[in-house]
């Protein structure tokens, strides 16, 4: 039998840098409306990607800003 040391793995890199709104709800439990309120208040960062002239696009939330906001709520 061989004994190997198990190293601690940092799971902070397991999520992508940006998340779509449904992923924020699924992974962090924040509803769509609250997520948009936090974006509007400048508490979390996001970006909207859309083609020139398009009415709709894709809203992406910066995962690190979301983590920073939630960690700040624990203090």
C-alpha atoms as a PDB file:
ATOM      1  CA  UNK A   1       0.000   0.000   0.000  1.00  0.00           C
ATOM      2  CA  UNK A   2       1.303   3.464  -0.919  1.00  0.00           C
ATOM      3  CA  UNK A   3       0.527   6.559   1.059  1.00  0.00           C
ATOM      4  CA  UNK A   4       0.481   9.811  -0.893  1.00  0.00           C
ATOM      5  CA  UNK A   5       0.119  13.285   0.516  1.00  0.00           C
ATOM      6  CA  UNK A   6      -3.069  15.014  -0.510  1.00  0.00           C
ATOM      7  CA  UNK A   7      -2.517  18.653  -1.312  1.00  0.00           C
ATOM      8  CA  UNK A   8      -5.081  21.342  -0.653  1.00  0.00           C
ATOM      9  CA  UNK A   9      -6.641  22.442  -3.905  1.00  0.00           C
ATOM     10  CA  UNK A  10      -7.757  26.044  -4.278  1.00  0.00           C
ATOM     11  CA  UNK A  11     -11.293  25.886  -5.651  1.00  0.00           C
ATOM     12  CA  UNK A  12     -11.549  29.622  -6.314  1.00  0.00           C
ATOM     13  CA  UNK A  13     -10.365  29.036  -9.864  1.00  0.00           C
ATOM     14  CA  UNK A  14     -12.988  26.386 -10.566  1.00  0.00           C
ATOM     15  CA  UNK A  15     -15.557  28.992 -11.657  1.00  0.00           C
ATOM     16  CA  UNK A  16     -15.190  31.037 -14.819  1.00  0.00           C
ATOM     17  CA  UNK A  17     -14.179  34.684 -14.568  1.00  0.00           C
ATOM     18  CA  UNK A  18     -17.625  35.806 -15.786  1.00  0.00           C
ATOM     19  CA  UNK A  19     -21.065  34.289 -15.227  1.00  0.00           C
ATOM     20  CA  UNK A  20     -24.404  34.737 -16.970  1.00  0.00           C
ATOM     21  CA  UNK A  21     -27.311  35.833 -14.793  1.00  0.00           C
ATOM     22  CA  UNK A  22     -28.886  32.320 -14.592  1.00  0.00           C
ATOM     23  CA  UNK A  23     -25.506  30.955 -13.451  1.00  0.00           C
ATOM     24  CA  UNK A  24     -25.344  33.565 -10.666  1.00  0.00           C
ATOM     25  CA  UNK A  25     -28.730  32.339  -9.457  1.00  0.00           C
ATOM     26  CA  UNK A  26     -27.783  28.670  -9.715  1.00  0.00           C
ATOM     27  CA  UNK A  27     -24.336  28.953  -8.102  1.00  0.00           C
ATOM     28  CA  UNK A  28     -24.823  31.758  -5.572  1.00  0.00           C
ATOM     29  CA  UNK A  29     -28.570  31.704  -4.935  1.00  0.00           C
ATOM     30  CA  UNK A  30     -29.144  35.340  -5.935  1.00  0.00           C
ATOM     31  CA  UNK A  31     -32.350  35.915  -7.870  1.00  0.00           C
ATOM     32  CA  UNK A  32     -32.269  37.764 -11.189  1.00  0.00           C
ATOM     33  CA  UNK A  33     -33.896  40.909  -9.815  1.00  0.00           C
ATOM     34  CA  UNK A  34     -31.503  41.212  -6.885  1.00  0.00           C
ATOM     35  CA  UNK A  35     -28.538  40.641  -9.177  1.00  0.00           C
ATOM     36  CA  UNK A  36     -29.650  43.513 -11.401  1.00  0.00           C
ATOM     37  CA  UNK A  37     -30.211  45.721  -8.331  1.00  0.00           C
ATOM     38  CA  UNK A  38     -26.652  45.036  -7.167  1.00  0.00           C
ATOM     39  CA  UNK A  39     -25.330  45.807 -10.644  1.00  0.00           C
ATOM     40  CA  UNK A  40     -27.330  49.055 -10.768  1.00  0.00           C
ATOM     41  CA  UNK A  41     -26.061  50.098  -7.339  1.00  0.00           C
ATOM     42  CA  UNK A  42     -22.466  49.443  -8.421  1.00  0.00           C
ATOM     43  CA  UNK A  43     -21.948  46.754  -5.793  1.00  0.00           C
ATOM     44  CA  UNK A  44     -21.003  44.075  -8.316  1.00  0.00           C
ATOM     45  CA  UNK A  45     -19.436  44.495 -11.741  1.00  0.00           C
ATOM     46  CA  UNK A  46     -20.892  43.357 -15.018  1.00  0.00           C
ATOM     47  CA  UNK A  47     -20.595  43.879 -18.730  1.00  0.00           C
ATOM     48  CA  UNK A  48     -23.139  43.692 -21.519  1.00  0.00           C
ATOM     49  CA  UNK A  49     -22.010  42.185 -24.811  1.00  0.00           C
ATOM     50  CA  UNK A  50     -24.051  42.947 -27.898  1.00  0.00           C
ATOM     51  CA  UNK A  51     -23.492  43.428 -31.560  1.00  0.00           C
ATOM     52  CA  UNK A  52     -23.593  46.932 -32.956  1.00  0.00           C
ATOM     53  CA  UNK A  53     -27.192  47.961 -33.533  1.00  0.00           C
ATOM     54  CA  UNK A  54     -28.631  44.993 -31.640  1.00  0.00           C
ATOM     55  CA  UNK A  55     -31.352  45.607 -29.057  1.00  0.00           C
ATOM     56  CA  UNK A  56     -30.412  42.676 -26.862  1.00  0.00           C
ATOM     57  CA  UNK A  57     -27.164  41.193 -25.699  1.00  0.00           C
ATOM     58  CA  UNK A  58     -25.617  39.012 -23.019  1.00  0.00           C
ATOM     59  CA  UNK A  59     -25.091  40.320 -19.482  1.00  0.00           C
ATOM     60  CA  UNK A  60     -22.028  38.834 -17.776  1.00  0.00           C
ATOM     61  CA  UNK A  61     -21.228  39.280 -14.072  1.00  0.00           C
ATOM     62  CA  UNK A  62     -17.620  39.371 -12.858  1.00  0.00           C
ATOM     63  CA  UNK A  63     -17.335  36.419 -10.483  1.00  0.00           C
ATOM     64  CA  UNK A  64     -14.673  38.031  -8.288  1.00  0.00           C
ATOM     65  CA  UNK A  65     -16.777  41.155  -7.706  1.00  0.00           C
ATOM     66  CA  UNK A  66     -19.659  38.921  -6.662  1.00  0.00           C
ATOM     67  CA  UNK A  67     -17.433  37.012  -4.245  1.00  0.00           C
ATOM     68  CA  UNK A  68     -16.019  40.253  -2.849  1.00  0.00           C
ATOM     69  CA  UNK A  69     -19.519  41.624  -2.274  1.00  0.00           C
ATOM     70  CA  UNK A  70     -20.740  38.461  -0.527  1.00  0.00           C
ATOM     71  CA  UNK A  71     -17.623  38.206   1.644  1.00  0.00           C
ATOM     72  CA  UNK A  72     -18.085  41.855   2.635  1.00  0.00           C
ATOM     73  CA  UNK A  73     -21.588  41.054   3.850  1.00  0.00           C
ATOM     74  CA  UNK A  74     -20.191  38.635   6.454  1.00  0.00           C
ATOM     75  CA  UNK A  75     -18.264  41.357   8.278  1.00  0.00           C
END
